C-alpha atoms as a PDB file:
ATOM      1  CA  MET A   1     -14.627  27.743  -5.384  1.00  0.00           C
ATOM      2  CA  LEU A   2     -16.563  25.325  -2.245  1.00  0.00           C
ATOM      3  CA  THR A   3     -17.095  28.976  -0.018  1.00  0.00           C
ATOM      4  CA  LYS A   4     -18.960  30.514  -3.075  1.00  0.00           C
ATOM      5  CA  THR A   5     -20.859  27.418  -3.728  1.00  0.00           C
ATOM      6  CA  HIS A   6     -22.110  25.711  -0.356  1.00  0.00           C
ATOM      7  CA  GLY A   7     -21.307  28.690   1.969  1.00  0.00           C
ATOM      8  CA  ASP A   8     -18.603  28.453   5.052  1.00  0.00           C
ATOM      9  CA  GLY A   9     -20.808  26.054   6.798  1.00  0.00           C
ATOM     10  CA  HIS A  10     -20.608  23.312   4.393  1.00  0.00           C
ATOM     11  CA  LEU A  11     -19.489  20.022   5.295  1.00  0.00           C
ATOM     12  CA  ASP A  12     -17.798  19.568   1.618  1.00  0.00           C
ATOM     13  CA  LEU A  13     -15.462  22.842   2.738  1.00  0.00           C
ATOM     14  CA  ALA A  14     -14.678  21.466   6.069  1.00  0.00           C
ATOM     15  CA  ARG A  15     -13.281  17.960   4.588  1.00  0.00           C
ATOM     16  CA  SER A  16     -11.231  20.194   2.188  1.00  0.00           C
ATOM     17  CA  LEU A  17      -9.701  22.495   4.829  1.00  0.00           C
ATOM     18  CA  GLN A  18      -8.894  19.268   6.568  1.00  0.00           C
ATOM     19  CA  ASP A  19      -7.111  17.708   3.751  1.00  0.00           C
ATOM     20  CA  LEU A  20      -5.240  21.183   2.997  1.00  0.00           C
ATOM     21  CA  GLY A  21      -4.449  21.611   6.796  1.00  0.00           C
ATOM     22  CA  SER A  22      -2.720  17.630   6.349  1.00  0.00           C
ATOM     23  CA  ALA A  23      -0.888  18.704   3.238  1.00  0.00           C
ATOM     24  CA  LEU A  24       0.242  21.845   4.826  1.00  0.00           C
ATOM     25  CA  GLY A  25       1.425  20.060   8.463  1.00  0.00           C
ATOM     26  CA  TYR A  26       3.098  17.592   6.266  1.00  0.00           C
ATOM     27  CA  GLN A  27       4.870  20.431   4.226  1.00  0.00           C
ATOM     28  CA  GLY A  28       5.836  22.152   7.872  1.00  0.00           C
ATOM     29  CA  LYS A  29       3.552  25.007   7.481  1.00  0.00           C
ATOM     30  CA  LEU A  30       2.423  24.550  10.884  1.00  0.00           C
ATOM     31  CA  ALA A  31       1.147  28.174  11.272  1.00  0.00           C
ATOM     32  CA  GLU A  32      -1.315  27.957   8.136  1.00  0.00           C
ATOM     33  CA  ALA A  33      -2.241  23.756   8.974  1.00  0.00           C
ATOM     34  CA  GLU A  34      -3.187  25.099  12.282  1.00  0.00           C
ATOM     35  CA  ALA A  35      -5.661  27.851  11.029  1.00  0.00           C
ATOM     36  CA  SER A  36      -6.806  25.292   8.621  1.00  0.00           C
ATOM     37  CA  PHE A  37      -7.247  22.878  11.210  1.00  0.00           C
ATOM     38  CA  ARG A  38      -9.384  25.557  13.469  1.00  0.00           C
ATOM     39  CA  GLU A  39     -11.902  26.584  10.515  1.00  0.00           C
ATOM     40  CA  THR A  40     -12.587  22.774  10.126  1.00  0.00           C
ATOM     41  CA  LEU A  41     -12.839  22.382  13.598  1.00  0.00           C
ATOM     42  CA  ALA A  42     -15.366  25.204  14.131  1.00  0.00           C
ATOM     43  CA  ILE A  43     -17.858  23.783  10.748  1.00  0.00           C
ATOM     44  CA  GLN A  44     -17.857  20.494  12.314  1.00  0.00           C
ATOM     45  CA  LYS A  45     -19.061  21.179  15.492  1.00  0.00           C
ATOM     46  CA  LYS A  46     -21.890  24.106  14.525  1.00  0.00           C
ATOM     47  CA  ARG A  47     -22.976  20.856  11.870  1.00  0.00           C
ATOM     48  CA  LEU A  48     -22.604  17.559  13.325  1.00  0.00           C
ATOM     49  CA  GLY A  49     -22.356  18.670  17.216  1.00  0.00           C
ATOM     50  CA  SER A  50     -18.800  18.966  19.555  1.00  0.00           C
ATOM     51  CA  LYS A  51     -19.135  14.873  20.399  1.00  0.00           C
ATOM     52  CA  HIS A  52     -19.550  13.525  16.588  1.00  0.00           C
ATOM     53  CA  PRO A  53     -16.923  11.075  16.025  1.00  0.00           C
ATOM     54  CA  ASP A  54     -16.094  12.847  12.814  1.00  0.00           C
ATOM     55  CA  VAL A  55     -14.281  15.658  14.805  1.00  0.00           C
ATOM     56  CA  ILE A  56     -11.757  13.028  16.374  1.00  0.00           C
ATOM     57  CA  ARG A  57      -9.321  13.055  13.493  1.00  0.00           C
ATOM     58  CA  THR A  58      -9.379  16.954  13.325  1.00  0.00           C
ATOM     59  CA  LEU A  59      -8.677  17.063  16.797  1.00  0.00           C
ATOM     60  CA  ASP A  60      -5.913  14.874  17.032  1.00  0.00           C
ATOM     61  CA  TRP A  61      -4.364  16.713  13.703  1.00  0.00           C
ATOM     62  CA  LEU A  62      -5.104  20.237  15.505  1.00  0.00           C
ATOM     63  CA  ALA A  63      -3.233  18.802  19.062  1.00  0.00           C
ATOM     64  CA  TYR A  64      -0.638  17.486  16.596  1.00  0.00           C
ATOM     65  CA  VAL A  65       0.254  20.554  14.937  1.00  0.00           C
ATOM     66  CA  LEU A  66       0.556  22.941  18.216  1.00  0.00           C
ATOM     67  CA  GLU A  67       2.503  20.082  19.784  1.00  0.00           C
ATOM     68  CA  GLN A  68       4.937  20.542  16.681  1.00  0.00           C
ATOM     69  CA  GLN A  69       4.569  24.607  17.678  1.00  0.00           C
ATOM     70  CA  ARG A  70       5.862  24.025  21.070  1.00  0.00           C
ATOM     71  CA  LYS A  71       2.115  25.143  21.985  1.00  0.00           C
ATOM     72  CA  PRO A  72       1.537  21.532  24.548  1.00  0.00           C
ATOM     73  CA  ALA A  73      -0.745  22.813  27.004  1.00  0.00           C
ATOM     74  CA  GLU A  74      -3.356  23.988  24.227  1.00  0.00           C
ATOM     75  CA  ALA A  75      -2.523  21.052  22.821  1.00  0.00           C
ATOM     76  CA  GLU A  76      -3.158  18.854  25.907  1.00  0.00           C
ATOM     77  CA  ALA A  77      -6.664  20.154  25.908  1.00  0.00           C
ATOM     78  CA  LEU A  78      -7.206  18.789  22.360  1.00  0.00           C
ATOM     79  CA  ARG A  79      -5.535  15.574  23.501  1.00  0.00           C
ATOM     80  CA  ARG A  80      -8.100  14.811  26.056  1.00  0.00           C
ATOM     81  CA  GLU A  81     -11.358  15.978  24.386  1.00  0.00           C
ATOM     82  CA  ALA A  82     -10.440  13.325  21.610  1.00  0.00           C
ATOM     83  CA  PHE A  83      -9.420  10.781  24.191  1.00  0.00           C
ATOM     84  CA  ASP A  84     -13.154  11.470  25.837  1.00  0.00           C
ATOM     85  CA  LEU A  85     -14.601  11.289  22.723  1.00  0.00           C
ATOM     86  CA  VAL A  86     -12.847   7.661  21.772  1.00  0.00           C
ATOM     87  CA  GLY A  87     -14.142   6.957  24.446  1.00  0.00           C
ATOM     88  CA  MET A  88     -17.525   7.079  23.931  1.00  0.00           C
ATOM     89  CA  LYS A  89     -17.418   6.029  20.312  1.00  0.00           C
ATOM     90  CA  HIS A  90     -15.511   2.649  21.340  1.00  0.00           C
ATOM     91  CA  GLY A  91     -14.952   2.123  24.925  1.00  0.00           C
ATOM     92  CA  GLN A  92     -12.747   3.198  27.701  1.00  0.00           C
ATOM     93  CA  GLY A  93     -10.814  -0.274  27.471  1.00  0.00           C
ATOM     94  CA  SER A  94     -10.684  -0.202  23.555  1.00  0.00           C
ATOM     95  CA  ARG A  95      -7.440  -0.499  21.411  1.00  0.00           C
ATOM     96  CA  GLU A  96      -8.868   2.994  19.826  1.00  0.00           C
ATOM     97  CA  ALA A  97      -8.943   4.701  23.411  1.00  0.00           C
ATOM     98  CA  PHE A  98      -5.323   3.197  24.032  1.00  0.00           C
ATOM     99  CA  GLU A  99      -3.654   4.559  20.999  1.00  0.00           C
ATOM    100  CA  SER A 100      -5.442   8.378  21.909  1.00  0.00           C
ATOM    101  CA  LEU A 101      -4.022   7.487  25.506  1.00  0.00           C
ATOM    102  CA  THR A 102      -1.110   6.806  23.815  1.00  0.00           C
ATOM    103  CA  CYS A 103      -1.060  10.921  22.118  1.00  0.00           C
ATOM    104  CA  LEU A 104      -2.253  12.245  25.316  1.00  0.00           C
ATOM    105  CA  VAL A 105       0.396  10.510  27.751  1.00  0.00           C
ATOM    106  CA  ARG A 106       4.011  11.511  25.275  1.00  0.00           C
ATOM    107  CA  ASN A 107       2.291  15.129  25.700  1.00  0.00           C
ATOM    108  CA  LEU A 108       2.035  15.117  29.073  1.00  0.00           C
ATOM    109  CA  ALA A 109       5.359  12.908  29.928  1.00  0.00           C
ATOM    110  CA  SER A 110       7.462  14.192  26.822  1.00  0.00           C
ATOM    111  CA  GLN A 111       6.732  17.764  26.167  1.00  0.00           C
ATOM    112  CA  GLN A 112       5.372  18.803  29.896  1.00  0.00           C
ATOM    113  CA  GLY A 113       6.843  16.586  32.462  1.00  0.00           C
ATOM    114  CA  LYS A 114       3.649  16.037  34.068  1.00  0.00           C
ATOM    115  CA  LEU A 115       4.500  12.354  34.843  1.00  0.00           C
ATOM    116  CA  ALA A 116       2.357  12.380  37.725  1.00  0.00           C
ATOM    117  CA  GLU A 117      -1.073  13.199  35.441  1.00  0.00           C
ATOM    118  CA  ALA A 118       0.664  10.601  32.798  1.00  0.00           C
ATOM    119  CA  GLU A 119       0.591   7.866  35.704  1.00  0.00           C
ATOM    120  CA  ALA A 120      -2.829   8.859  36.440  1.00  0.00           C
ATOM    121  CA  SER A 121      -4.115   8.422  32.952  1.00  0.00           C
ATOM    122  CA  LEU A 122      -2.489   5.238  32.481  1.00  0.00           C
ATOM    123  CA  ARG A 123      -3.520   3.805  35.675  1.00  0.00           C
ATOM    124  CA  GLU A 124      -6.941   4.366  34.937  1.00  0.00           C
ATOM    125  CA  THR A 125      -6.760   2.594  31.616  1.00  0.00           C
ATOM    126  CA  LEU A 126      -4.645  -0.260  33.178  1.00  0.00           C
ATOM    127  CA  ALA A 127      -7.650  -0.730  35.707  1.00  0.00           C
ATOM    128  CA  ILE A 128     -10.538  -0.493  33.141  1.00  0.00           C
ATOM    129  CA  GLN A 129      -8.401  -3.146  30.591  1.00  0.00           C
ATOM    130  CA  ARG A 130      -8.113  -5.686  33.196  1.00  0.00           C
ATOM    131  CA  LYS A 131     -11.903  -5.229  34.383  1.00  0.00           C
ATOM    132  CA  ARG A 132     -12.844  -5.649  30.863  1.00  0.00           C
ATOM    133  CA  LEU A 133     -10.950  -7.608  29.264  1.00  0.00           C
ATOM    134  CA  GLY A 134      -8.869 -10.014  32.208  1.00  0.00           C
ATOM    135  CA  GLY A 135      -5.500  -9.433  32.848  1.00  0.00           C
ATOM    136  CA  LYS A 136      -4.058 -11.673  31.090  1.00  0.00           C
ATOM    137  CA  HIS A 137      -5.356  -9.826  28.029  1.00  0.00           C
ATOM    138  CA  PRO A 138      -2.611  -8.770  24.697  1.00  0.00           C
ATOM    139  CA  ASP A 139      -4.041  -5.338  24.760  1.00  0.00           C
ATOM    140  CA  VAL A 140      -2.608  -4.844  28.381  1.00  0.00           C
ATOM    141  CA  ILE A 141       0.883  -5.468  27.352  1.00  0.00           C
ATOM    142  CA  ARG A 142       1.283  -2.083  26.186  1.00  0.00           C
ATOM    143  CA  THR A 143      -0.472  -0.240  29.036  1.00  0.00           C
ATOM    144  CA  LEU A 144       2.016  -1.736  31.258  1.00  0.00           C
ATOM    145  CA  ASP A 145       4.998  -0.887  29.188  1.00  0.00           C
ATOM    146  CA  TRP A 146       4.037   2.614  28.857  1.00  0.00           C
ATOM    147  CA  LEU A 147       3.503   2.842  32.799  1.00  0.00           C
ATOM    148  CA  ALA A 148       6.718   1.146  33.934  1.00  0.00           C
ATOM    149  CA  TYR A 149       8.356   3.394  31.353  1.00  0.00           C
ATOM    150  CA  ILE A 150       6.861   6.456  33.279  1.00  0.00           C
ATOM    151  CA  LEU A 151       7.595   5.189  36.698  1.00  0.00           C
ATOM    152  CA  GLU A 152      11.353   4.700  35.070  1.00  0.00           C
ATOM    153  CA  GLN A 153      11.054   8.411  34.735  1.00  0.00           C
ATOM    154  CA  GLN A 154      10.512   9.094  38.195  1.00  0.00           C
ATOM    155  CA  ARG A 155      13.035   6.716  39.275  1.00  0.00           C
ATOM    156  CA  ARG A 156      10.755   4.412  40.456  1.00  0.00           C
ATOM    157  CA  LEU A 157      12.456   1.652  39.509  1.00  0.00           C
ATOM    158  CA  ALA A 158      11.422  -1.327  41.794  1.00  0.00           C
ATOM    159  CA  GLU A 159       7.636  -0.507  40.910  1.00  0.00           C
ATOM    160  CA  ALA A 160       8.312  -0.140  37.031  1.00  0.00           C
ATOM    161  CA  GLU A 161      10.402  -4.041  37.878  1.00  0.00           C
ATOM    162  CA  VAL A 162       7.179  -5.409  38.788  1.00  0.00           C
ATOM    163  CA  LEU A 163       5.039  -4.242  35.697  1.00  0.00           C
ATOM    164  CA  ARG A 164       8.285  -4.839  33.258  1.00  0.00           C
ATOM    165  CA  ARG A 165       8.095  -8.656  34.458  1.00  0.00           C
ATOM    166  CA  GLU A 166       4.290  -8.735  34.066  1.00  0.00           C
ATOM    167  CA  ALA A 167       4.576  -7.171  30.768  1.00  0.00           C
ATOM    168  CA  LEU A 168       7.580  -9.806  29.361  1.00  0.00           C
ATOM    169  CA  GLU A 169       5.825 -12.758  30.605  1.00  0.00           C
ATOM    170  CA  LEU A 170       2.205 -12.036  28.916  1.00  0.00           C
ATOM    171  CA  VAL A 171       4.861 -11.107  25.574  1.00  0.00           C
ATOM    172  CA  GLN A 172       5.866 -14.693  25.385  1.00  0.00           C
ATOM    173  CA  VAL A 173       2.394 -16.127  26.249  1.00  0.00           C
ATOM    174  CA  HIS A 174       1.083 -14.123  23.437  1.00  0.00           C
ATOM    175  CA  ARG A 175       3.855 -13.913  21.319  1.00  0.00           C
ATOM    176  CA  GLY A 176       6.369 -16.677  21.720  1.00  0.00           C
ATOM    177  CA  GLN A 177       9.529 -16.369  23.986  1.00  0.00           C
ATOM    178  CA  ASP A 178      12.108 -16.552  20.808  1.00  0.00           C
ATOM    179  CA  SER A 179       9.909 -13.569  19.058  1.00  0.00           C
ATOM    180  CA  ARG A 180      10.865  -9.919  18.633  1.00  0.00           C
ATOM    181  CA  GLU A 181       8.561  -8.523  20.921  1.00  0.00           C
ATOM    182  CA  ALA A 182       9.462 -11.164  23.826  1.00  0.00           C
ATOM    183  CA  PHE A 183      13.333  -9.900  23.562  1.00  0.00           C
ATOM    184  CA  GLU A 184      12.653  -6.125  23.232  1.00  0.00           C
ATOM    185  CA  SER A 185      10.887  -6.948  26.695  1.00  0.00           C
ATOM    186  CA  LEU A 186      13.379  -8.479  28.173  1.00  0.00           C
ATOM    187  CA  THR A 187      15.781  -5.898  27.315  1.00  0.00           C
ATOM    188  CA  SER A 188      13.571  -3.109  28.906  1.00  0.00           C
ATOM    189  CA  LEU A 189      13.337  -5.731  32.156  1.00  0.00           C
ATOM    190  CA  VAL A 190      17.280  -5.587  31.776  1.00  0.00           C
ATOM    191  CA  ARG A 191      17.316  -1.938  31.668  1.00  0.00           C
ATOM    192  CA  ASN A 192      15.849  -1.607  34.722  1.00  0.00           C
ATOM    193  CA  LEU A 193      17.764  -3.914  36.646  1.00  0.00           C
ATOM    194  CA  ALA A 194      20.890  -2.731  35.850  1.00  0.00           C
ATOM    195  CA  SER A 195      19.511   0.777  36.828  1.00  0.00           C
ATOM    196  CA  GLN A 196      19.221  -0.521  39.938  1.00  0.00           C
ATOM    197  CA  GLN A 197      22.715  -1.605  40.067  1.00  0.00           C
ATOM    198  CA  ARG A 198      21.540  -4.853  39.884  1.00  0.00           C
ATOM    199  CA  SER A 199      24.111  -6.150  37.259  1.00  0.00           C
ATOM    200  CA  PHE A 200      24.628  -9.894  37.596  1.00  0.00           C
ATOM    201  CA  GLU A 201      20.803 -10.512  37.635  1.00  0.00           C
ATOM    202  CA  ALA A 202      20.528  -8.352  34.800  1.00  0.00           C
ATOM    203  CA  GLU A 203      23.175 -10.373  33.243  1.00  0.00           C
ATOM    204  CA  GLY A 204      21.757 -13.575  34.232  1.00  0.00           C
ATOM    205  CA  LEU A 205      18.630 -12.372  32.177  1.00  0.00           C
ATOM    206  CA  ALA A 206      20.267 -11.599  29.241  1.00  0.00           C
ATOM    207  CA  TYR A 207      22.346 -14.710  29.098  1.00  0.00           C
ATOM    208  CA  LYS A 208      20.333 -17.079  27.429  1.00  0.00           C
ATOM    209  CA  SER A 209      18.243 -14.714  25.071  1.00  0.00           C
ATOM    210  CA  LEU A 210      21.996 -13.535  24.035  1.00  0.00           C
ATOM    211  CA  THR A 211      23.682 -17.085  23.418  1.00  0.00           C
ATOM    212  CA  ALA A 212      20.001 -17.473  21.326  1.00  0.00           C
ATOM    213  CA  LEU A 213      20.772 -14.543  19.440  1.00  0.00           C
ATOM    214  CA  GLU A 214      24.035 -15.190  18.605  1.00  0.00           C
ATOM    215  CA  LYS A 215      23.373 -18.329  17.566  1.00  0.00           C
ATOM    216  CA  LEU A 216      20.625 -17.463  15.304  1.00  0.00           C
ATOM    217  CA  CYS A 217      22.719 -14.800  13.836  1.00  0.00           C
ATOM    218  CA  SER A 218      25.506 -16.684  13.292  1.00  0.00           C
ATOM    219  CA  ASP A 219      23.677 -19.891  11.342  1.00  0.00           C
ATOM    220  CA  GLN A 220      22.219 -17.532   9.357  1.00  0.00           C
ATOM    221  CA  TRP A 221      24.448 -14.619   8.594  1.00  0.00           C
ATOM    222  CA  GLY A 222      28.172 -16.948   8.812  1.00  0.00           C
ATOM    223  CA  ILE A 223      29.918 -14.518  11.036  1.00  0.00           C
ATOM    224  CA  LEU A 224      30.104 -14.165  14.816  1.00  0.00           C
ATOM    225  CA  PRO A 225      31.949 -11.648  16.167  1.00  0.00           C
ATOM    226  CA  GLY A 226      34.782 -12.490  18.873  1.00  0.00           C
ATOM    227  CA  GLU A 227      34.219 -15.080  20.875  1.00  0.00           C
ATOM    228  CA  ASN A 228      31.038 -16.760  22.062  1.00  0.00           C
ATOM    229  CA  PHE A 229      29.212 -14.905  24.501  1.00  0.00           C
ATOM    230  CA  GLY A 230      28.904 -17.619  27.486  1.00  0.00           C
ATOM    231  CA  GLY A 231      32.240 -18.197  26.944  1.00  0.00           C
ATOM    232  CA  GLU A 232      33.591 -14.796  27.040  1.00  0.00           C
ATOM    233  CA  LEU A 233      31.418 -13.079  29.573  1.00  0.00           C
ATOM    234  CA  PHE A 234      30.062 -16.181  31.884  1.00  0.00           C
ATOM    235  CA  PRO A 235      32.934 -19.011  32.340  1.00  0.00           C
ATOM    236  CA  GLU A 236      31.721 -19.938  35.415  1.00  0.00           C
ATOM    237  CA  TRP A 237      28.281 -20.743  34.102  1.00  0.00           C
ATOM    238  CA  SER A 238      28.224 -24.239  33.440  1.00  0.00           C
ATOM    239  CA  ASN A 239      25.924 -25.333  30.262  1.00  0.00           C
ATOM    240  CA  PRO A 240      25.499 -22.482  27.543  1.00  0.00           C
ATOM    241  CA  ALA A 241      24.467 -24.702  25.321  1.00  0.00           C
ATOM    242  CA  GLU A 242      21.114 -25.319  26.780  1.00  0.00           C
ATOM    243  CA  SER A 243      19.944 -22.134  25.641  1.00  0.00           C
ATOM    244  CA  GLU A 244      21.266 -22.517  22.347  1.00  0.00           C
ATOM    245  CA  GLN A 245      18.776 -25.691  21.790  1.00  0.00           C
ATOM    246  CA  ARG A 246      15.685 -23.329  21.725  1.00  0.00           C
ATOM    247  CA  ASP A 247      13.755 -22.371  18.747  1.00  0.00           C
ATOM    248  CA  VAL A 248      14.736 -19.458  17.787  1.00  0.00           C
ATOM    249  CA  SER A 249      13.445 -19.343  14.500  1.00  0.00           C
ATOM    250  CA  GLY A 250      10.028 -18.759  16.055  1.00  0.00           C
ATOM    251  CA  GLN A 251       8.143 -20.813  13.878  1.00  0.00           C
ATOM    252  CA  GLY A 252       6.932 -22.553  16.936  1.00  0.00           C
ATOM    253  CA  HIS A 253       3.300 -22.204  18.341  1.00  0.00           C
ATOM    254  CA  SER A 254       2.804 -19.722  20.747  1.00  0.00           C
ATOM    255  CA  LYS A 255       0.719 -20.146  23.522  1.00  0.00           C
ATOM    256  CA  GLN A 256      -2.913 -19.065  23.105  1.00  0.00           C
ATOM    257  CA  GLY A 257      -4.500 -15.906  25.379  1.00  0.00           C
ATOM    258  CA  GLU A 258      -7.359 -16.781  27.196  1.00  0.00           C
ATOM    259  CA  ASN A 259      -9.568 -13.956  24.940  1.00  0.00           C
ATOM    260  CA  GLY A 260      -7.633 -14.715  21.609  1.00  0.00           C
ATOM    261  CA  VAL A 261      -4.932 -15.874  19.719  1.00  0.00           C
ATOM    262  CA  LEU A 262      -1.811 -13.595  18.414  1.00  0.00           C
ATOM    263  CA  ALA A 263      -0.005 -15.131  15.670  1.00  0.00           C
ATOM    264  CA  PRO A 264       3.918 -16.249  16.567  1.00  0.00           C
ATOM    265  CA  THR A 265       6.117 -13.731  15.135  1.00  0.00           C
ATOM    266  CA  LYS A 266       9.737 -14.609  13.667  1.00  0.00           C
ATOM    267  CA  ILE A 267      12.226 -12.759  14.534  1.00  0.00           C
ATOM    268  CA  SER A 268      14.210 -11.279  11.492  1.00  0.00           C
ATOM    269  CA  MET A 269      17.680 -11.220  11.088  1.00  0.00           C
ATOM    270  CA  ARG A 270      17.827  -7.291  11.135  1.00  0.00           C
ATOM    271  CA  GLU A 271      15.889  -7.073  14.242  1.00  0.00           C
ATOM    272  CA  ALA A 272      17.680  -9.976  15.911  1.00  0.00           C
ATOM    273  CA  MET A 273      21.133  -8.040  15.411  1.00  0.00           C
ATOM    274  CA  ASN A 274      19.319  -4.751  16.966  1.00  0.00           C
ATOM    275  CA  CYS A 275      18.234  -6.661  19.741  1.00  0.00           C
ATOM    276  CA  LEU A 276      22.071  -7.827  20.660  1.00  0.00           C
ATOM    277  CA  ILE A 277      23.056  -4.432  20.236  1.00  0.00           C
ATOM    278  CA  GLN A 278      20.300  -3.498  22.939  1.00  0.00           C
ATOM    279  CA  LEU A 279      20.983  -6.301  25.321  1.00  0.00           C
ATOM    280  CA  TYR A 280      24.522  -5.752  25.211  1.00  0.00           C
ATOM    281  CA  ASP A 281      24.363  -2.358  25.590  1.00  0.00           C
ATOM    282  CA  ALA A 282      21.938  -2.425  28.394  1.00  0.00           C
ATOM    283  CA  ILE A 283      24.377  -4.764  30.482  1.00  0.00           C
ATOM    284  CA  GLY A 284      27.218  -2.278  29.564  1.00  0.00           C
ATOM    285  CA  ARG A 285      29.046  -4.596  27.255  1.00  0.00           C
ATOM    286  CA  THR A 286      29.549  -1.636  24.520  1.00  0.00           C
ATOM    287  CA  ALA A 287      32.567  -3.221  22.917  1.00  0.00           C
ATOM    288  CA  LYS A 288      30.224  -6.544  22.129  1.00  0.00           C
ATOM    289  CA  GLY A 289      27.380  -3.790  21.005  1.00  0.00           C
ATOM    290  CA  SER A 290      29.918  -2.506  18.740  1.00  0.00           C
ATOM    291  CA  GLU A 291      30.916  -5.218  16.917  1.00  0.00           C
ATOM    292  CA  TRP A 292      27.263  -6.114  16.532  1.00  0.00           C
ATOM    293  CA  ARG A 293      27.215  -2.614  15.112  1.00  0.00           C
ATOM    294  CA  GLN A 294      29.730  -3.349  12.518  1.00  0.00           C
ATOM    295  CA  GLU A 295      28.102  -6.693  11.740  1.00  0.00           C
ATOM    296  CA  LEU A 296      25.086  -4.971  10.813  1.00  0.00           C
ATOM    297  CA  ALA A 297      26.422  -2.227   9.043  1.00  0.00           C
ATOM    298  CA  GLU A 298      27.828  -5.140   7.068  1.00  0.00           C
ATOM    299  CA  TYR A 299      24.340  -6.600   6.990  1.00  0.00           C
ATOM    300  CA  GLU A 300      22.432  -3.768   5.555  1.00  0.00           C
ATOM    301  CA  LYS A 301      24.950  -3.850   2.675  1.00  0.00           C
ATOM    302  CA  LEU A 302      24.070  -6.637   1.378  1.00  0.00           C
ATOM    303  CA  ALA A 303      20.242  -6.713   2.348  1.00  0.00           C
ATOM    304  CA  PRO A 304      18.840  -3.252   2.504  1.00  0.00           C
ATOM    305  CA  ALA A 305      15.941  -2.250   4.669  1.00  0.00           C
ATOM    306  CA  GLY A 306      12.807  -3.019   2.979  1.00  0.00           C
ATOM    307  CA  LYS A 307      13.627  -6.128   0.860  1.00  0.00           C
ATOM    308  CA  SER A 308      12.514  -8.981   2.161  1.00  0.00           C
ATOM    309  CA  GLU A 309      14.873 -11.377   4.178  1.00  0.00           C
ATOM    310  CA  THR A 310      14.991 -15.015   3.636  1.00  0.00           C
ATOM    311  CA  LYS A 311      14.871 -17.327   6.521  1.00  0.00           C
END
């Protein structure tokens, strides 16, 4: 109908084709979705120009559909084009540019194994962020995490460790030491140290957080599987109560960042249990991890995901 009324090049047709491509993509009809997005892209570039911001969404969708069809090289070209356009619109150090970069890095690293290229793109973005936003800006955290991950995939663990420590410090400043993000960042560092065969150091880092998380869960859930972490794994360590006195509720004020304030995040029971499991697994204490998996399963029966968790 739109073709007859407006002709093949009309932007209303492009929007309809884009919506159709999205619907087909969600239905798994990837070849048909690809055709719709390619037609949309051709119309947009002809009517709006190849640098128009509206082209970005179509590029992203088409790249995604190609990736789902195991055509990563074709998708890479589109990811790069989208990244350049986002940078032109929002700035290379912007959050929008980082989101676009993340898609490109996933394509390069996960689908094509081009780790060196992914690393180069991340290092360039990190340099831009530090120059424009400052080294302590919260937006730097995700870039540090991604770069550390890429280095770890290349078994350059010592280099990645430096970035993991920097990311953890920033997370603790901007989100609070007892936030979900801080526990997750700590877990990544612990895994890195364990991979370097520095088990004692990894356990030392994990100790206080595990004790705090177990206290949180035992206080609110009412059950603590097995013996207390400190007494069971580290009987030679003299003061396990010290970490139990921390404000694990996350209700305290997090420190302010130099370029803005991020609200402290209060860790939920479900998140706390998941963090416990990940930390225990990271230091090789799989039996304790299994115990907490059972507790999480019991908790899920009483508080299914999606329902609010009272504190």
